Amino acid sequence: MTTEVTQVTFEELSALMKKAAGVTVDPRDLESRADVPFGEFGLDSLGLLGIVGELENRHGRALPTDAERCKSPRAFLDLVNGTLTTGA
């Protein structure tokens, strides 16, 4: 069974932050401040770990361990989307 790989967007990341960590951030704010550390949005390392786990479940593959160490939304999305695109 093949699944179409789509890019994780700022909107999806915002929804995952709410679901996995209870942190509400407007996706437009997340995108406009994409290089700001996650901590400034109220997301800690455990929350990011929850997001990584959710994405792994959704896409049926492990993400690099570096994903949970990303400091900003842009760094996280670049790593995740690069992994999903290449299948690495």
N, C-alpha and C. Protein backbone atom coordinates (compact mmCIF):
# COMPACT_ATOMS: atom_id res chain seq x y z
N MET A 1 0.83 -1.17 0.00
CA MET A 1 0.00 0.00 0.00
C MET A 1 0.89 1.24 0.00
N THR A 2 0.64 2.12 -0.94
CA THR A 2 1.42 3.35 -0.98
C THR A 2 0.56 4.50 -0.48
N THR A 3 1.20 5.37 0.27
CA THR A 3 0.50 6.55 0.76
C THR A 3 1.18 7.77 0.17
N GLU A 4 0.39 8.73 -0.21
CA GLU A 4 0.93 9.96 -0.75
C GLU A 4 1.56 10.76 0.38
N VAL A 5 2.80 11.15 0.18
CA VAL A 5 3.50 11.93 1.20
C VAL A 5 3.21 13.41 0.97
N THR A 6 2.71 14.03 1.98
CA THR A 6 2.45 15.46 1.90
C THR A 6 3.36 16.18 2.86
N GLN A 7 3.61 17.43 2.58
CA GLN A 7 4.44 18.24 3.45
C GLN A 7 3.66 18.61 4.71
N VAL A 8 4.34 18.59 5.84
CA VAL A 8 3.74 19.06 7.08
C VAL A 8 3.80 20.59 7.01
N THR A 9 2.66 21.22 7.21
CA THR A 9 2.55 22.67 7.10
C THR A 9 2.59 23.33 8.48
N PHE A 10 2.69 24.65 8.47
CA PHE A 10 2.61 25.38 9.73
C PHE A 10 1.25 25.19 10.37
N GLU A 11 0.22 25.08 9.54
CA GLU A 11 -1.13 24.86 10.08
C GLU A 11 -1.21 23.51 10.79
N GLU A 12 -0.65 22.48 10.17
CA GLU A 12 -0.66 21.16 10.80
C GLU A 12 0.20 21.16 12.06
N LEU A 13 1.35 21.82 12.01
CA LEU A 13 2.20 21.89 13.19
C LEU A 13 1.48 22.59 14.33
N SER A 14 0.75 23.64 14.02
CA SER A 14 -0.04 24.34 15.04
C SER A 14 -1.07 23.41 15.66
N ALA A 15 -1.76 22.63 14.83
CA ALA A 15 -2.76 21.68 15.33
C ALA A 15 -2.10 20.61 16.19
N LEU A 16 -0.92 20.15 15.78
CA LEU A 16 -0.20 19.14 16.56
C LEU A 16 0.27 19.71 17.90
N MET A 17 0.66 20.96 17.92
CA MET A 17 1.08 21.59 19.17
C MET A 17 -0.10 21.63 20.15
N LYS A 18 -1.28 21.90 19.63
CA LYS A 18 -2.49 21.93 20.47
C LYS A 18 -2.81 20.53 20.97
N LYS A 19 -2.79 19.55 20.06
CA LYS A 19 -3.17 18.17 20.41
C LYS A 19 -2.17 17.51 21.35
N ALA A 20 -0.89 17.61 21.02
CA ALA A 20 0.14 16.88 21.76
C ALA A 20 0.62 17.59 23.02
N ALA A 21 0.51 18.92 23.04
CA ALA A 21 1.09 19.65 24.17
C ALA A 21 0.14 20.65 24.80
N GLY A 22 -1.05 20.81 24.23
CA GLY A 22 -1.99 21.76 24.79
C GLY A 22 -1.59 23.21 24.60
N VAL A 23 -0.74 23.46 23.61
CA VAL A 23 -0.25 24.81 23.33
C VAL A 23 -0.98 25.35 22.11
N THR A 24 -1.67 26.47 22.29
CA THR A 24 -2.42 27.07 21.19
C THR A 24 -1.61 28.20 20.57
N VAL A 25 -1.30 28.06 19.28
CA VAL A 25 -0.56 29.08 18.54
C VAL A 25 -1.24 29.23 17.18
N ASP A 26 -1.50 30.46 16.80
CA ASP A 26 -2.07 30.72 15.48
C ASP A 26 -1.06 30.30 14.42
N PRO A 27 -1.47 29.52 13.43
CA PRO A 27 -0.52 29.07 12.39
C PRO A 27 0.17 30.22 11.67
N ARG A 28 -0.53 31.34 11.50
CA ARG A 28 0.09 32.50 10.83
C ARG A 28 1.19 33.09 11.69
N ASP A 29 1.00 33.08 13.00
CA ASP A 29 2.04 33.57 13.92
C ASP A 29 3.23 32.62 13.89
N LEU A 30 2.94 31.33 13.86
CA LEU A 30 4.00 30.33 13.80
C LEU A 30 4.84 30.51 12.53
N GLU A 31 4.16 30.74 11.42
CA GLU A 31 4.86 30.91 10.16
C GLU A 31 5.64 32.22 10.11
N SER A 32 5.05 33.29 10.61
CA SER A 32 5.73 34.59 10.55
C SER A 32 6.92 34.66 11.51
N ARG A 33 6.92 33.81 12.51
CA ARG A 33 8.04 33.77 13.48
C ARG A 33 8.68 32.39 13.48
N ALA A 34 8.89 31.85 12.29
CA ALA A 34 9.34 30.46 12.13
C ALA A 34 10.72 30.17 12.71
N ASP A 35 11.53 31.20 12.89
CA ASP A 35 12.88 30.98 13.42
C ASP A 35 12.98 31.26 14.92
N VAL A 36 11.85 31.58 15.53
CA VAL A 36 11.81 31.82 16.98
C VAL A 36 11.83 30.47 17.70
N PRO A 37 12.56 30.36 18.79
CA PRO A 37 12.61 29.08 19.52
C PRO A 37 11.21 28.63 19.98
N PHE A 38 11.01 27.31 19.94
CA PHE A 38 9.74 26.74 20.37
C PHE A 38 9.34 27.22 21.77
N GLY A 39 10.31 27.39 22.65
CA GLY A 39 10.02 27.81 24.01
C GLY A 39 9.25 29.11 24.07
N GLU A 40 9.47 30.01 23.12
CA GLU A 40 8.76 31.28 23.11
C GLU A 40 7.28 31.11 22.74
N PHE A 41 6.95 29.97 22.17
CA PHE A 41 5.55 29.65 21.88
C PHE A 41 4.92 28.85 23.02
N GLY A 42 5.75 28.49 24.00
CA GLY A 42 5.25 27.71 25.14
C GLY A 42 5.39 26.21 24.96
N LEU A 43 6.14 25.78 23.95
CA LEU A 43 6.33 24.35 23.70
C LEU A 43 7.67 23.90 24.27
N ASP A 44 7.62 22.89 25.13
CA ASP A 44 8.87 22.37 25.70
C ASP A 44 9.27 21.08 24.98
N SER A 45 10.37 20.49 25.43
CA SER A 45 10.91 19.31 24.75
C SER A 45 9.96 18.11 24.81
N LEU A 46 9.22 17.97 25.91
CA LEU A 46 8.26 16.87 25.99
C LEU A 46 7.11 17.05 25.01
N GLY A 47 6.68 18.29 24.84
CA GLY A 47 5.64 18.58 23.86
C GLY A 47 6.11 18.27 22.45
N LEU A 48 7.36 18.63 22.16
CA LEU A 48 7.91 18.35 20.84
C LEU A 48 8.04 16.85 20.62
N LEU A 49 8.41 16.14 21.66
CA LEU A 49 8.50 14.68 21.57
C LEU A 49 7.13 14.08 21.25
N GLY A 50 6.08 14.63 21.84
CA GLY A 50 4.72 14.17 21.54
C GLY A 50 4.35 14.42 20.09
N ILE A 51 4.77 15.55 19.55
CA ILE A 51 4.51 15.87 18.14
C ILE A 51 5.25 14.90 17.24
N VAL A 52 6.50 14.60 17.57
CA VAL A 52 7.29 13.64 16.80
C VAL A 52 6.58 12.29 16.78
N GLY A 53 6.13 11.84 17.96
CA GLY A 53 5.43 10.56 18.04
C GLY A 53 4.16 10.53 17.21
N GLU A 54 3.40 11.60 17.24
CA GLU A 54 2.17 11.70 16.45
C GLU A 54 2.48 11.62 14.96
N LEU A 55 3.50 12.34 14.52
CA LEU A 55 3.87 12.31 13.10
C LEU A 55 4.38 10.93 12.68
N GLU A 56 5.12 10.29 13.55
CA GLU A 56 5.60 8.93 13.24
C GLU A 56 4.42 7.97 13.08
N ASN A 57 3.43 8.09 13.94
CA ASN A 57 2.25 7.24 13.83
C ASN A 57 1.48 7.53 12.55
N ARG A 58 1.30 8.79 12.22
CA ARG A 58 0.55 9.17 11.02
C ARG A 58 1.20 8.69 9.73
N HIS A 59 2.53 8.78 9.69
CA HIS A 59 3.24 8.49 8.46
C HIS A 59 3.86 7.09 8.43
N GLY A 60 3.76 6.38 9.54
CA GLY A 60 4.24 5.00 9.56
C GLY A 60 5.74 4.84 9.41
N ARG A 61 6.48 5.83 9.83
CA ARG A 61 7.94 5.73 9.77
C ARG A 61 8.56 6.56 10.87
N ALA A 62 9.75 6.16 11.26
CA ALA A 62 10.47 6.88 12.31
C ALA A 62 11.08 8.15 11.74
N LEU A 63 11.08 9.18 12.55
CA LEU A 63 11.76 10.42 12.19
C LEU A 63 13.15 10.40 12.82
N PRO A 64 14.08 11.16 12.29
CA PRO A 64 15.42 11.20 12.88
C PRO A 64 15.36 11.66 14.33
N THR A 65 16.27 11.18 15.15
CA THR A 65 16.29 11.59 16.55
C THR A 65 16.52 13.09 16.68
N ASP A 66 17.12 13.69 15.67
CA ASP A 66 17.33 15.15 15.68
C ASP A 66 16.01 15.91 15.70
N ALA A 67 14.91 15.30 15.26
CA ALA A 67 13.62 16.00 15.17
C ALA A 67 13.19 16.53 16.53
N GLU A 68 13.41 15.74 17.56
CA GLU A 68 12.98 16.18 18.89
C GLU A 68 13.93 17.21 19.51
N ARG A 69 15.03 17.47 18.84
CA ARG A 69 15.99 18.46 19.33
C ARG A 69 15.92 19.77 18.56
N CYS A 70 15.05 19.84 17.56
CA CYS A 70 14.94 21.08 16.77
C CYS A 70 14.53 22.23 17.67
N LYS A 71 15.08 23.38 17.41
CA LYS A 71 14.85 24.54 18.27
C LYS A 71 13.74 25.45 17.78
N SER A 72 13.42 25.39 16.48
CA SER A 72 12.43 26.33 15.94
C SER A 72 11.47 25.61 14.99
N PRO A 73 10.32 26.20 14.75
CA PRO A 73 9.37 25.59 13.81
C PRO A 73 9.98 25.35 12.43
N ARG A 74 10.73 26.32 11.90
CA ARG A 74 11.32 26.14 10.57
C ARG A 74 12.30 24.97 10.55
N ALA A 75 13.18 24.88 11.54
CA ALA A 75 14.14 23.78 11.59
C ALA A 75 13.41 22.44 11.68
N PHE A 76 12.35 22.39 12.48
CA PHE A 76 11.58 21.16 12.64
C PHE A 76 10.91 20.76 11.33
N LEU A 77 10.22 21.70 10.70
CA LEU A 77 9.52 21.38 9.45
C LEU A 77 10.49 21.03 8.33
N ASP A 78 11.63 21.70 8.26
CA ASP A 78 12.63 21.37 7.25
C ASP A 78 13.12 19.93 7.42
N LEU A 79 13.41 19.55 8.65
CA LEU A 79 13.90 18.20 8.91
C LEU A 79 12.81 17.16 8.64
N VAL A 80 11.63 17.39 9.17
CA VAL A 80 10.53 16.42 9.00
C VAL A 80 10.16 16.28 7.53
N ASN A 81 9.96 17.39 6.85
CA ASN A 81 9.55 17.33 5.45
C ASN A 81 10.66 16.74 4.56
N GLY A 82 11.90 17.03 4.89
CA GLY A 82 13.00 16.41 4.15
C GLY A 82 13.01 14.90 4.32
N THR A 83 12.73 14.45 5.52
CA THR A 83 12.70 13.02 5.80
C THR A 83 11.52 12.35 5.09
N LEU A 84 10.35 12.97 5.16
CA LEU A 84 9.17 12.39 4.52
C LEU A 84 9.30 12.36 3.01
N THR A 85 9.95 13.37 2.45
CA THR A 85 10.11 13.45 0.99
C THR A 85 11.09 12.41 0.48
N THR A 86 12.21 12.24 1.19
CA THR A 86 13.24 11.32 0.73
C THR A 86 13.00 9.90 1.20
N GLY A 87 12.18 9.77 2.22
CA GLY A 87 11.94 8.43 2.77
C GLY A 87 13.09 7.92 3.59
N ALA A 88 14.03 8.81 3.90
CA ALA A 88 15.20 8.40 4.68
C ALA A 88 14.88 8.32 6.15
